[in-house]
């Protein structure tokens, strides 16, 4: 088993901005759909993926959470299996979801990434298990200082990496 840690894109923070589409850690089955192709292509079942919030002015970055990899599937299989993860415009006008294909397996109109990267991004959709997410512990309010949750998540990440 191996562990992988990555930092979300600048400005991505599920609490401060409510804009983390990928990975989706706050549902029963966690998923990583279109982002981090470099990690999705090498992880195996039993490995762990942890994500750190992106850089947001006046907000300290923190470990959002992670998941154990259960399986890798393609994006069309994810479209059928995770309808709640399909791209859509949310209540605040933001694109939500991490399934980037339409019903025919074509690039969804809300997926604004370059078309030439599409084929690589639809491979290895990660279905997770054993998720851990900071929101579960209700600890968003204490993330500006070191918290027991940080120690747990970072300790887990470090022990998985070794």
C-alpha atoms as a PDB file:
ATOM      1  CA  UNK A   1       0.000   0.000   0.000  1.00  0.00           C
ATOM      2  CA  UNK A   2       1.141   3.526  -0.798  1.00  0.00           C
ATOM      3  CA  UNK A   3      -0.093   6.976   0.114  1.00  0.00           C
ATOM      4  CA  UNK A   4      -0.394  10.016  -2.140  1.00  0.00           C
ATOM      5  CA  UNK A   5      -0.915  13.606  -1.049  1.00  0.00           C
ATOM      6  CA  UNK A   6      -1.714  16.514  -3.322  1.00  0.00           C
ATOM      7  CA  UNK A   7      -2.661  20.161  -2.965  1.00  0.00           C
ATOM      8  CA  UNK A   8      -5.858  21.387  -4.624  1.00  0.00           C
ATOM      9  CA  UNK A   9      -5.788  24.223  -7.104  1.00  0.00           C
ATOM     10  CA  UNK A  10      -5.367  27.774  -5.890  1.00  0.00           C
ATOM     11  CA  UNK A  11      -8.618  29.098  -4.406  1.00  0.00           C
ATOM     12  CA  UNK A  12     -10.112  25.652  -3.746  1.00  0.00           C
ATOM     13  CA  UNK A  13     -11.502  25.294  -0.226  1.00  0.00           C
ATOM     14  CA  UNK A  14     -14.668  23.300   0.550  1.00  0.00           C
ATOM     15  CA  UNK A  15     -15.416  25.331   3.670  1.00  0.00           C
ATOM     16  CA  UNK A  16     -14.314  28.870   2.855  1.00  0.00           C
ATOM     17  CA  UNK A  17     -15.519  28.770  -0.742  1.00  0.00           C
ATOM     18  CA  UNK A  18     -17.602  25.606  -1.125  1.00  0.00           C
ATOM     19  CA  UNK A  19     -15.887  24.846  -4.391  1.00  0.00           C
ATOM     20  CA  UNK A  20     -14.177  21.464  -4.186  1.00  0.00           C
ATOM     21  CA  UNK A  21     -15.552  19.346  -7.028  1.00  0.00           C
ATOM     22  CA  UNK A  22     -12.812  16.777  -7.229  1.00  0.00           C
ATOM     23  CA  UNK A  23     -12.298  14.761  -5.170  1.00  0.00           C
ATOM     24  CA  UNK A  24     -15.765  14.364  -3.764  1.00  0.00           C
ATOM     25  CA  UNK A  25     -15.173  13.342  -0.152  1.00  0.00           C
ATOM     26  CA  UNK A  26     -18.428  14.437   1.452  1.00  0.00           C
ATOM     27  CA  UNK A  27     -20.682  11.692   0.089  1.00  0.00           C
ATOM     28  CA  UNK A  28     -21.078   8.081   1.159  1.00  0.00           C
ATOM     29  CA  UNK A  29     -18.771   6.883  -1.631  1.00  0.00           C
ATOM     30  CA  UNK A  30     -15.787   9.180  -2.189  1.00  0.00           C
ATOM     31  CA  UNK A  31     -14.539   9.643  -5.755  1.00  0.00           C
ATOM     32  CA  UNK A  32     -11.727  11.299  -7.689  1.00  0.00           C
ATOM     33  CA  UNK A  33     -12.827  11.803 -11.261  1.00  0.00           C
ATOM     34  CA  UNK A  34     -10.983  14.184 -13.550  1.00  0.00           C
ATOM     35  CA  UNK A  35      -8.209  15.809 -11.554  1.00  0.00           C
ATOM     36  CA  UNK A  36      -4.757  14.464 -10.838  1.00  0.00           C
ATOM     37  CA  UNK A  37      -4.355  12.073 -13.761  1.00  0.00           C
ATOM     38  CA  UNK A  38      -0.769  11.527 -12.628  1.00  0.00           C
ATOM     39  CA  UNK A  39      -2.003  10.011  -9.351  1.00  0.00           C
ATOM     40  CA  UNK A  40      -5.068   8.236 -10.752  1.00  0.00           C
ATOM     41  CA  UNK A  41      -2.966   6.368 -13.313  1.00  0.00           C
ATOM     42  CA  UNK A  42      -0.628   4.813 -10.685  1.00  0.00           C
ATOM     43  CA  UNK A  43      -2.763   4.138  -7.603  1.00  0.00           C
ATOM     44  CA  UNK A  44      -3.919   0.631  -6.865  1.00  0.00           C
ATOM     45  CA  UNK A  45      -6.699  -0.712  -4.659  1.00  0.00           C
ATOM     46  CA  UNK A  46      -5.575  -0.383  -1.053  1.00  0.00           C
ATOM     47  CA  UNK A  47      -3.554   2.794  -1.667  1.00  0.00           C
ATOM     48  CA  UNK A  48      -4.577   6.072  -0.030  1.00  0.00           C
ATOM     49  CA  UNK A  49      -5.103   9.541  -1.507  1.00  0.00           C
ATOM     50  CA  UNK A  50      -5.158  12.641   0.711  1.00  0.00           C
ATOM     51  CA  UNK A  51      -5.960  16.182  -0.416  1.00  0.00           C
ATOM     52  CA  UNK A  52      -4.917  19.550   1.001  1.00  0.00           C
ATOM     53  CA  UNK A  53      -7.029  22.653   0.428  1.00  0.00           C
ATOM     54  CA  UNK A  54      -5.840  25.172  -2.144  1.00  0.00           C
ATOM     55  CA  UNK A  55      -4.329  28.526  -1.307  1.00  0.00           C
ATOM     56  CA  UNK A  56      -6.996  31.052  -0.260  1.00  0.00           C
ATOM     57  CA  UNK A  57      -6.115  34.547   1.033  1.00  0.00           C
ATOM     58  CA  UNK A  58      -6.297  34.829   4.846  1.00  0.00           C
ATOM     59  CA  UNK A  59      -7.070  31.097   5.253  1.00  0.00           C
ATOM     60  CA  UNK A  60      -4.508  28.522   6.356  1.00  0.00           C
ATOM     61  CA  UNK A  61      -4.345  25.453   4.148  1.00  0.00           C
ATOM     62  CA  UNK A  62      -5.362  22.187   5.790  1.00  0.00           C
ATOM     63  CA  UNK A  63      -5.799  18.496   5.108  1.00  0.00           C
ATOM     64  CA  UNK A  64      -9.365  18.250   3.826  1.00  0.00           C
ATOM     65  CA  UNK A  65      -9.407  14.476   4.019  1.00  0.00           C
ATOM     66  CA  UNK A  66      -8.682  11.362   2.068  1.00  0.00           C
ATOM     67  CA  UNK A  67      -9.801   7.958   0.977  1.00  0.00           C
ATOM     68  CA  UNK A  68      -8.615   4.454   0.391  1.00  0.00           C
ATOM     69  CA  UNK A  69      -8.709   3.435  -3.272  1.00  0.00           C
ATOM     70  CA  UNK A  70     -11.287   0.687  -3.817  1.00  0.00           C
ATOM     71  CA  UNK A  71     -11.225   0.523  -7.621  1.00  0.00           C
ATOM     72  CA  UNK A  72     -10.536   2.366 -10.869  1.00  0.00           C
ATOM     73  CA  UNK A  73     -13.235   2.590 -13.555  1.00  0.00           C
ATOM     74  CA  UNK A  74     -13.693   4.660 -16.705  1.00  0.00           C
ATOM     75  CA  UNK A  75     -15.741   7.857 -16.814  1.00  0.00           C
ATOM     76  CA  UNK A  76     -18.677   6.323 -18.724  1.00  0.00           C
ATOM     77  CA  UNK A  77     -19.035   3.649 -16.026  1.00  0.00           C
ATOM     78  CA  UNK A  78     -18.888   6.474 -13.460  1.00  0.00           C
ATOM     79  CA  UNK A  79     -21.637   8.327 -15.367  1.00  0.00           C
ATOM     80  CA  UNK A  80     -23.933   5.312 -14.928  1.00  0.00           C
ATOM     81  CA  UNK A  81     -22.901   4.502 -11.363  1.00  0.00           C
ATOM     82  CA  UNK A  82     -22.684   8.012  -9.855  1.00  0.00           C
ATOM     83  CA  UNK A  83     -25.467  10.174 -11.335  1.00  0.00           C
ATOM     84  CA  UNK A  84     -25.086  12.604  -8.420  1.00  0.00           C
ATOM     85  CA  UNK A  85     -21.500  13.262  -9.565  1.00  0.00           C
ATOM     86  CA  UNK A  86     -22.410  14.309 -13.110  1.00  0.00           C
ATOM     87  CA  UNK A  87     -21.433  17.852 -14.035  1.00  0.00           C
ATOM     88  CA  UNK A  88     -24.175  20.394 -13.384  1.00  0.00           C
ATOM     89  CA  UNK A  89     -24.598  24.029 -12.459  1.00  0.00           C
ATOM     90  CA  UNK A  90     -25.224  24.277  -8.720  1.00  0.00           C
ATOM     91  CA  UNK A  91     -27.359  26.655  -6.691  1.00  0.00           C
ATOM     92  CA  UNK A  92     -24.649  29.332  -6.593  1.00  0.00           C
ATOM     93  CA  UNK A  93     -23.944  29.160 -10.324  1.00  0.00           C
ATOM     94  CA  UNK A  94     -20.796  27.058  -9.891  1.00  0.00           C
ATOM     95  CA  UNK A  95     -20.064  23.891 -11.824  1.00  0.00           C
ATOM     96  CA  UNK A  96     -20.402  20.898  -9.526  1.00  0.00           C
ATOM     97  CA  UNK A  97     -19.530  17.245  -9.981  1.00  0.00           C
ATOM     98  CA  UNK A  98     -16.566  15.227 -11.210  1.00  0.00           C
ATOM     99  CA  UNK A  99     -18.048  12.999 -13.918  1.00  0.00           C
ATOM    100  CA  UNK A 100     -16.944  14.864 -17.039  1.00  0.00           C
ATOM    101  CA  UNK A 101     -18.750  12.843 -19.735  1.00  0.00           C
ATOM    102  CA  UNK A 102     -22.279  12.947 -21.085  1.00  0.00           C
ATOM    103  CA  UNK A 103     -24.489   9.874 -21.605  1.00  0.00           C
ATOM    104  CA  UNK A 104     -22.632   8.969 -24.824  1.00  0.00           C
ATOM    105  CA  UNK A 105     -19.166   9.308 -23.283  1.00  0.00           C
ATOM    106  CA  UNK A 106     -18.394  12.641 -24.955  1.00  0.00           C
ATOM    107  CA  UNK A 107     -16.891  15.633 -23.178  1.00  0.00           C
ATOM    108  CA  UNK A 108     -19.627  17.319 -21.152  1.00  0.00           C
ATOM    109  CA  UNK A 109     -20.312  20.947 -22.197  1.00  0.00           C
ATOM    110  CA  UNK A 110     -19.619  22.136 -18.617  1.00  0.00           C
ATOM    111  CA  UNK A 111     -16.142  20.591 -18.698  1.00  0.00           C
ATOM    112  CA  UNK A 112     -14.073  23.551 -19.813  1.00  0.00           C
ATOM    113  CA  UNK A 113     -10.687  21.824 -19.918  1.00  0.00           C
ATOM    114  CA  UNK A 114      -8.885  21.518 -23.244  1.00  0.00           C
ATOM    115  CA  UNK A 115     -10.367  18.901 -25.561  1.00  0.00           C
ATOM    116  CA  UNK A 116      -6.916  17.422 -26.215  1.00  0.00           C
ATOM    117  CA  UNK A 117      -6.642  16.383 -22.539  1.00  0.00           C
ATOM    118  CA  UNK A 118     -10.069  14.722 -22.461  1.00  0.00           C
ATOM    119  CA  UNK A 119      -9.034  11.165 -23.417  1.00  0.00           C
ATOM    120  CA  UNK A 120      -6.456  11.034 -20.629  1.00  0.00           C
ATOM    121  CA  UNK A 121      -8.834  12.533 -18.045  1.00  0.00           C
ATOM    122  CA  UNK A 122     -11.615   9.962 -18.579  1.00  0.00           C
ATOM    123  CA  UNK A 123      -9.364   7.048 -17.598  1.00  0.00           C
ATOM    124  CA  UNK A 124      -8.971   5.731 -14.062  1.00  0.00           C
ATOM    125  CA  UNK A 125     -11.923   7.344 -12.272  1.00  0.00           C
ATOM    126  CA  UNK A 126     -11.234   6.506  -8.625  1.00  0.00           C
ATOM    127  CA  UNK A 127     -13.920   4.941  -6.462  1.00  0.00           C
ATOM    128  CA  UNK A 128     -12.921   5.148  -2.834  1.00  0.00           C
ATOM    129  CA  UNK A 129     -13.798   3.620   0.486  1.00  0.00           C
ATOM    130  CA  UNK A 130     -12.890   4.341   4.121  1.00  0.00           C
ATOM    131  CA  UNK A 131     -13.105   8.088   3.574  1.00  0.00           C
ATOM    132  CA  UNK A 132     -11.962  10.580   6.138  1.00  0.00           C
ATOM    133  CA  UNK A 133     -13.022  14.195   5.778  1.00  0.00           C
ATOM    134  CA  UNK A 134     -12.440  17.107   8.121  1.00  0.00           C
ATOM    135  CA  UNK A 135     -16.088  18.119   7.848  1.00  0.00           C
ATOM    136  CA  UNK A 136     -17.114  14.844   9.454  1.00  0.00           C
ATOM    137  CA  UNK A 137     -15.410  15.857  12.678  1.00  0.00           C
ATOM    138  CA  UNK A 138     -16.918  19.358  12.616  1.00  0.00           C
ATOM    139  CA  UNK A 139     -13.433  20.828  12.940  1.00  0.00           C
ATOM    140  CA  UNK A 140     -13.445  23.481  10.227  1.00  0.00           C
ATOM    141  CA  UNK A 141     -13.542  26.195  12.885  1.00  0.00           C
ATOM    142  CA  UNK A 142     -10.270  25.059  14.483  1.00  0.00           C
ATOM    143  CA  UNK A 143      -8.189  24.659  11.362  1.00  0.00           C
ATOM    144  CA  UNK A 144      -6.333  27.935  11.903  1.00  0.00           C
ATOM    145  CA  UNK A 145      -4.415  26.235  14.683  1.00  0.00           C
ATOM    146  CA  UNK A 146      -3.121  22.716  14.915  1.00  0.00           C
ATOM    147  CA  UNK A 147      -5.905  20.371  15.878  1.00  0.00           C
ATOM    148  CA  UNK A 148      -6.171  16.684  16.799  1.00  0.00           C
ATOM    149  CA  UNK A 149      -7.731  16.112  13.373  1.00  0.00           C
ATOM    150  CA  UNK A 150      -4.632  17.482  11.644  1.00  0.00           C
ATOM    151  CA  UNK A 151      -2.434  15.167  13.689  1.00  0.00           C
ATOM    152  CA  UNK A 152      -4.665  12.207  12.832  1.00  0.00           C
ATOM    153  CA  UNK A 153      -4.835  12.931   9.099  1.00  0.00           C
ATOM    154  CA  UNK A 154      -1.175  13.797   8.734  1.00  0.00           C
ATOM    155  CA  UNK A 155      -0.124  10.851  10.892  1.00  0.00           C
ATOM    156  CA  UNK A 156      -2.260   8.562   8.764  1.00  0.00           C
ATOM    157  CA  UNK A 157      -0.833  10.043   5.554  1.00  0.00           C
ATOM    158  CA  UNK A 158       2.742   9.707   6.779  1.00  0.00           C
ATOM    159  CA  UNK A 159       2.248   6.152   8.020  1.00  0.00           C
ATOM    160  CA  UNK A 160       0.648   5.155   4.710  1.00  0.00           C
ATOM    161  CA  UNK A 161       3.516   6.689   2.724  1.00  0.00           C
ATOM    162  CA  UNK A 162       6.211   4.682   4.553  1.00  0.00           C
END
